Structures are given as C-alpha cells and as structure tokens.
PDB file of N, CA and C in Angstrom:
ATOM      1  N   MET A   1      48.641 117.742  77.279  1.00  0.00           N
ATOM      2  CA  MET A   1      48.419 116.561  77.912  1.00  0.00           C
ATOM      3  C   MET A   1      49.458 115.616  77.425  1.00  0.00           C
ATOM      4  N   ARG A   2      50.143 114.918  78.397  1.00  0.00           N
ATOM      5  CA  ARG A   2      51.206 113.993  78.085  1.00  0.00           C
ATOM      6  C   ARG A   2      50.970 112.617  78.807  1.00  0.00           C
ATOM      7  N   VAL A   3      51.576 111.568  78.301  1.00  0.00           N
ATOM      8  CA  VAL A   3      51.500 110.329  78.934  1.00  0.00           C
ATOM      9  C   VAL A   3      52.440 110.288  80.137  1.00  0.00           C
ATOM     10  N   ARG A   4      52.284 109.378  81.012  1.00  0.00           N
ATOM     11  CA  ARG A   4      53.218 109.214  82.136  1.00  0.00           C
ATOM     12  C   ARG A   4      54.587 108.868  81.630  1.00  0.00           C
ATOM     13  N   ARG A   5      55.584 108.888  82.440  1.00  0.00           N
ATOM     14  CA  ARG A   5      56.892 108.544  82.098  1.00  0.00           C
ATOM     15  C   ARG A   5      56.875 107.037  81.871  1.00  0.00           C
ATOM     16  N   LEU A   6      57.526 106.603  80.696  1.00  0.00           N
ATOM     17  CA  LEU A   6      57.538 105.233  80.370  1.00  0.00           C
ATOM     18  C   LEU A   6      58.648 104.488  81.127  1.00  0.00           C
ATOM     19  N   THR A   7      58.422 103.277  81.445  1.00  0.00           N
ATOM     20  CA  THR A   7      59.509 102.465  82.008  1.00  0.00           C
ATOM     21  C   THR A   7      60.491 102.064  80.820  1.00  0.00           C
ATOM     22  N   ASP A   8      61.716 101.700  81.237  1.00  0.00           N
ATOM     23  CA  ASP A   8      62.632 101.342  80.180  1.00  0.00           C
ATOM     24  C   ASP A   8      62.094 100.182  79.286  1.00  0.00           C
ATOM     25  N   GLN A   9      61.412  99.217  79.908  1.00  0.00           N
ATOM     26  CA  GLN A   9      60.875  98.075  79.237  1.00  0.00           C
ATOM     27  C   GLN A   9      59.758  98.568  78.243  1.00  0.00           C
ATOM     28  N   GLU A  10      58.894  99.402  78.655  1.00  0.00           N
ATOM     29  CA  GLU A  10      57.761  99.965  77.847  1.00  0.00           C
ATOM     30  C   GLU A  10      58.408 100.748  76.632  1.00  0.00           C
ATOM     31  N   GLU A  11      59.374 101.530  76.925  1.00  0.00           N
ATOM     32  CA  GLU A  11      59.982 102.342  75.850  1.00  0.00           C
ATOM     33  C   GLU A  11      60.632 101.391  74.805  1.00  0.00           C
ATOM     34  N   GLN A  12      61.344 100.363  75.246  1.00  0.00           N
ATOM     35  CA  GLN A  12      61.987  99.464  74.307  1.00  0.00           C
ATOM     36  C   GLN A  12      60.959  98.704  73.451  1.00  0.00           C
ATOM     37  N   LYS A  13      59.842  98.376  74.086  1.00  0.00           N
ATOM     38  CA  LYS A  13      58.863  97.678  73.373  1.00  0.00           C
ATOM     39  C   LYS A  13      58.195  98.482  72.224  1.00  0.00           C
ATOM     40  N   LEU A  14      57.941  99.807  72.672  1.00  0.00           N
ATOM     41  CA  LEU A  14      57.407 100.774  71.625  1.00  0.00           C
ATOM     42  C   LEU A  14      58.431 101.037  70.488  1.00  0.00           C
ATOM     43  N   GLN A  15      59.745 101.131  70.854  1.00  0.00           N
ATOM     44  CA  GLN A  15      60.751 101.393  69.897  1.00  0.00           C
ATOM     45  C   GLN A  15      60.821 100.236  68.955  1.00  0.00           C
ATOM     46  N   GLN A  16      60.663  99.054  69.384  1.00  0.00           N
ATOM     47  CA  GLN A  16      60.639  97.845  68.525  1.00  0.00           C
ATOM     48  C   GLN A  16      59.505  97.877  67.572  1.00  0.00           C
ATOM     49  N   VAL A  17      58.432  98.249  67.961  1.00  0.00           N
ATOM     50  CA  VAL A  17      57.228  98.360  67.104  1.00  0.00           C
ATOM     51  C   VAL A  17      57.553  99.392  65.932  1.00  0.00           C
ATOM     52  N   VAL A  18      58.122 100.491  66.340  1.00  0.00           N
ATOM     53  CA  VAL A  18      58.422 101.516  65.354  1.00  0.00           C
ATOM     54  C   VAL A  18      59.564 101.110  64.462  1.00  0.00           C
ATOM     55  N   ARG A  19      60.592 100.554  64.962  1.00  0.00           N
ATOM     56  CA  ARG A  19      61.745 100.133  64.123  1.00  0.00           C
ATOM     57  C   ARG A  19      61.375  99.008  63.146  1.00  0.00           C
ATOM     58  N   ARG A  20      60.716  98.000  63.640  1.00  0.00           N
ATOM     59  CA  ARG A  20      60.381  96.862  62.781  1.00  0.00           C
ATOM     60  C   ARG A  20      59.177  97.116  61.893  1.00  0.00           C
ATOM     61  N   GLY A  21      58.446  98.180  62.282  1.00  0.00           N
ATOM     62  CA  GLY A  21      57.169  98.371  61.475  1.00  0.00           C
ATOM     63  C   GLY A  21      56.160  97.441  62.167  1.00  0.00           C
ATOM     64  N   SER A  22      55.022  97.379  61.673  1.00  0.00           N
ATOM     65  CA  SER A  22      53.995  96.549  62.266  1.00  0.00           C
ATOM     66  C   SER A  22      53.057  96.224  61.137  1.00  0.00           C
ATOM     67  N   THR A  23      52.377  95.092  61.189  1.00  0.00           N
ATOM     68  CA  THR A  23      51.343  94.702  60.265  1.00  0.00           C
ATOM     69  C   THR A  23      50.137  95.626  60.439  1.00  0.00           C
ATOM     70  N   SER A  24      50.018  96.206  61.611  1.00  0.00           N
ATOM     71  CA  SER A  24      48.914  97.174  61.831  1.00  0.00           C
ATOM     72  C   SER A  24      49.458  98.558  61.826  1.00  0.00           C
ATOM     73  N   SER A  25      48.937  99.332  60.897  1.00  0.00           N
ATOM     74  CA  SER A  25      49.392 100.749  60.867  1.00  0.00           C
ATOM     75  C   SER A  25      48.917 101.529  62.080  1.00  0.00           C
ATOM     76  N   MET A  26      47.768 101.120  62.655  1.00  0.00           N
ATOM     77  CA  MET A  26      47.285 101.786  63.836  1.00  0.00           C
ATOM     78  C   MET A  26      48.229 101.551  65.015  1.00  0.00           C
ATOM     79  N   ARG A  27      48.701 100.284  65.146  1.00  0.00           N
ATOM     80  CA  ARG A  27      49.654  99.994  66.213  1.00  0.00           C
ATOM     81  C   ARG A  27      50.944 100.798  66.077  1.00  0.00           C
ATOM     82  N   TYR A  28      51.474 100.884  64.902  1.00  0.00           N
ATOM     83  CA  TYR A  28      52.589 101.708  64.578  1.00  0.00           C
ATOM     84  C   TYR A  28      52.434 103.149  64.902  1.00  0.00           C
ATOM     85  N   ARG A  29      51.264 103.708  64.458  1.00  0.00           N
ATOM     86  CA  ARG A  29      51.028 105.181  64.745  1.00  0.00           C
ATOM     87  C   ARG A  29      50.857 105.436  66.221  1.00  0.00           C
ATOM     88  N   ARG A  30      50.173 104.554  66.931  1.00  0.00           N
ATOM     89  CA  ARG A  30      50.033 104.685  68.349  1.00  0.00           C
ATOM     90  C   ARG A  30      51.292 104.629  69.060  1.00  0.00           C
ATOM     91  N   ALA A  31      52.211 103.741  68.722  1.00  0.00           N
ATOM     92  CA  ALA A  31      53.518 103.616  69.345  1.00  0.00           C
ATOM     93  C   ALA A  31      54.281 104.909  69.145  1.00  0.00           C
ATOM     94  N   MET A  32      54.130 105.476  67.848  1.00  0.00           N
ATOM     95  CA  MET A  32      54.906 106.783  67.639  1.00  0.00           C
ATOM     96  C   MET A  32      54.257 107.860  68.414  1.00  0.00           C
ATOM     97  N   MET A  33      52.973 107.908  68.564  1.00  0.00           N
ATOM     98  CA  MET A  33      52.337 108.969  69.418  1.00  0.00           C
ATOM     99  C   MET A  33      52.801 108.795  70.899  1.00  0.00           C
ATOM    100  N   LEU A  34      52.836 107.571  71.471  1.00  0.00           N
ATOM    101  CA  LEU A  34      53.203 107.440  72.852  1.00  0.00           C
ATOM    102  C   LEU A  34      54.626 107.811  73.027  1.00  0.00           C
ATOM    103  N   LEU A  35      55.493 107.418  72.137  1.00  0.00           N
ATOM    104  CA  LEU A  35      56.930 107.749  72.288  1.00  0.00           C
ATOM    105  C   LEU A  35      57.169 109.253  72.221  1.00  0.00           C
ATOM    106  N   ALA A  36      56.465 109.914  71.277  1.00  0.00           N
ATOM    107  CA  ALA A  36      56.590 111.401  71.149  1.00  0.00           C
ATOM    108  C   ALA A  36      56.040 112.100  72.310  1.00  0.00           C
ATOM    109  N   SER A  37      54.932 111.585  72.850  1.00  0.00           N
ATOM    110  CA  SER A  37      54.257 112.207  74.042  1.00  0.00           C
ATOM    111  C   SER A  37      55.241 112.050  75.250  1.00  0.00           C
ATOM    112  N   ALA A  38      55.751 110.871  75.412  1.00  0.00           N
ATOM    113  CA  ALA A  38      56.702 110.664  76.536  1.00  0.00           C
ATOM    114  C   ALA A  38      57.945 111.479  76.459  1.00  0.00           C
ATOM    115  N   GLY A  39      58.275 111.835  75.190  1.00  0.00           N
ATOM    116  CA  GLY A  39      59.454 112.656  74.867  1.00  0.00           C
ATOM    117  C   GLY A  39      59.145 114.084  75.040  1.00  0.00           C
ATOM    118  N   GLN A  40      58.010 114.407  75.604  1.00  0.00           N
ATOM    119  CA  GLN A  40      57.587 115.748  75.942  1.00  0.00           C
ATOM    120  C   GLN A  40      57.098 116.656  74.761  1.00  0.00           C
ATOM    121  N   HIS A  41      56.750 116.002  73.676  1.00  0.00           N
ATOM    122  CA  HIS A  41      56.295 116.733  72.482  1.00  0.00           C
ATOM    123  C   HIS A  41      54.779 117.039  72.694  1.00  0.00           C
ATOM    124  N   ARG A  42      54.349 118.168  72.270  1.00  0.00           N
ATOM    125  CA  ARG A  42      52.980 118.548  72.383  1.00  0.00           C
ATOM    126  C   ARG A  42      52.108 118.001  71.273  1.00  0.00           C
ATOM    127  N   VAL A  43      50.776 117.948  71.479  1.00  0.00           N
ATOM    128  CA  VAL A  43      49.864 117.347  70.593  1.00  0.00           C
ATOM    129  C   VAL A  43      49.999 117.878  69.096  1.00  0.00           C
ATOM    130  N   PRO A  44      50.102 119.191  68.843  1.00  0.00           N
ATOM    131  CA  PRO A  44      50.181 119.632  67.458  1.00  0.00           C
ATOM    132  C   PRO A  44      51.464 119.052  66.813  1.00  0.00           C
ATOM    133  N   VAL A  45      52.560 118.976  67.448  1.00  0.00           N
ATOM    134  CA  VAL A  45      53.787 118.366  66.909  1.00  0.00           C
ATOM    135  C   VAL A  45      53.547 116.935  66.638  1.00  0.00           C
ATOM    136  N   ILE A  46      52.984 116.168  67.529  1.00  0.00           N
ATOM    137  CA  ILE A  46      52.739 114.809  67.339  1.00  0.00           C
ATOM    138  C   ILE A  46      51.791 114.551  66.168  1.00  0.00           C
ATOM    139  N   ALA A  47      50.752 115.304  66.111  1.00  0.00           N
ATOM    140  CA  ALA A  47      49.803 115.192  65.021  1.00  0.00           C
ATOM    141  C   ALA A  47      50.458 115.362  63.660  1.00  0.00           C
ATOM    142  N   ARG A  48      51.347 116.282  63.525  1.00  0.00           N
ATOM    143  CA  ARG A  48      52.118 116.480  62.294  1.00  0.00           C
ATOM    144  C   ARG A  48      53.049 115.319  62.021  1.00  0.00           C
ATOM    145  N   LEU A  49      53.641 114.791  63.056  1.00  0.00           N
ATOM    146  CA  LEU A  49      54.543 113.700  62.931  1.00  0.00           C
ATOM    147  C   LEU A  49      53.842 112.430  62.351  1.00  0.00           C
ATOM    148  N   VAL A  50      52.627 112.111  62.838  1.00  0.00           N
ATOM    149  CA  VAL A  50      51.930 110.945  62.401  1.00  0.00           C
ATOM    150  C   VAL A  50      50.846 111.209  61.387  1.00  0.00           C
ATOM    151  N   GLN A  51      50.871 112.456  60.883  1.00  0.00           N
ATOM    152  CA  GLN A  51      49.867 112.923  59.936  1.00  0.00           C
ATOM    153  C   GLN A  51      48.422 112.616  60.287  1.00  0.00           C
ATOM    154  N   ALA A  52      48.066 113.110  61.486  1.00  0.00           N
ATOM    155  CA  ALA A  52      46.759 112.867  61.980  1.00  0.00           C
ATOM    156  C   ALA A  52      46.170 114.174  62.515  1.00  0.00           C
ATOM    157  N   ASP A  53      44.873 114.164  62.748  1.00  0.00           N
ATOM    158  CA  ASP A  53      44.202 115.335  63.379  1.00  0.00           C
ATOM    159  C   ASP A  53      44.609 115.286  64.847  1.00  0.00           C
ATOM    160  N   GLU A  54      44.506 116.471  65.487  1.00  0.00           N
ATOM    161  CA  GLU A  54      44.852 116.508  66.912  1.00  0.00           C
ATOM    162  C   GLU A  54      43.989 115.763  67.811  1.00  0.00           C
ATOM    163  N   ASP A  55      42.709 115.641  67.548  1.00  0.00           N
ATOM    164  CA  ASP A  55      41.786 114.937  68.455  1.00  0.00           C
ATOM    165  C   ASP A  55      42.176 113.480  68.616  1.00  0.00           C
ATOM    166  N   PRO A  56      42.439 112.671  67.620  1.00  0.00           N
ATOM    167  CA  PRO A  56      42.849 111.252  67.818  1.00  0.00           C
ATOM    168  C   PRO A  56      44.182 111.223  68.600  1.00  0.00           C
ATOM    169  N   VAL A  57      45.071 112.150  68.442  1.00  0.00           N
ATOM    170  CA  VAL A  57      46.333 112.134  69.147  1.00  0.00           C
ATOM    171  C   VAL A  57      46.085 112.440  70.595  1.00  0.00           C
ATOM    172  N   ARG A  58      45.200 113.298  70.940  1.00  0.00           N
ATOM    173  CA  ARG A  58      44.850 113.527  72.374  1.00  0.00           C
ATOM    174  C   ARG A  58      44.226 112.288  72.990  1.00  0.00           C
ATOM    175  N   GLU A  59      43.354 111.648  72.206  1.00  0.00           N
ATOM    176  CA  GLU A  59      42.707 110.402  72.711  1.00  0.00           C
ATOM    177  C   GLU A  59      43.722 109.297  72.947  1.00  0.00           C
ATOM    178  N   ALA A  60      44.646 109.135  72.027  1.00  0.00           N
ATOM    179  CA  ALA A  60      45.676 108.100  72.097  1.00  0.00           C
ATOM    180  C   ALA A  60      46.647 108.367  73.335  1.00  0.00           C
ATOM    181  N   THR A  61      46.902 109.612  73.600  1.00  0.00           N
ATOM    182  CA  THR A  61      47.943 109.933  74.593  1.00  0.00           C
ATOM    183  C   THR A  61      47.328 110.316  75.904  1.00  0.00           C
ATOM    184  N   SER A  62      46.094 110.156  76.068  1.00  0.00           N
ATOM    185  CA  SER A  62      45.455 110.522  77.332  1.00  0.00           C
ATOM    186  C   SER A  62      45.346 109.367  78.312  1.00  0.00           C
ATOM    187  N   GLY A  63      45.820 108.260  77.893  1.00  0.00           N
ATOM    188  CA  GLY A  63      45.847 107.165  78.836  1.00  0.00           C
ATOM    189  C   GLY A  63      45.149 105.980  78.402  1.00  0.00           C
TER     190      GLY A  63
END
C-alpha cells in the first residue's frame, strides 16, 4: 500500500519537517513515512527506516 503522489508543495512541507526536525517525534516519523511511501518504498523498508512495527506504518500511509 502506498500514499498517493504528493504535490510539490506537500513534498516540500514534509521535507522541511524532516530537515528541521520537529518538537513532535510523531510528526517527524509520520513525515518520514509519507515521504518514503511516496518514494515507492514498501512497508517493511519504511518500518526499518523509522524503527517501527509494520502495522503503524501501514496505518500512517493508508491515507
């Protein structure tokens, strides 16, 4: 399962969250998940990237 294609504006906003970090670790991790999913990475790869179980990754990237 993957997210829809991101608009340039959406992608830039998510990249800002990742680059600058965030006061919320959940916001940071979700931004990482969405960017990775939009980049065509599969759930197991994204889960390893953000050091999470696969179920929360599926939930975050399902829309």
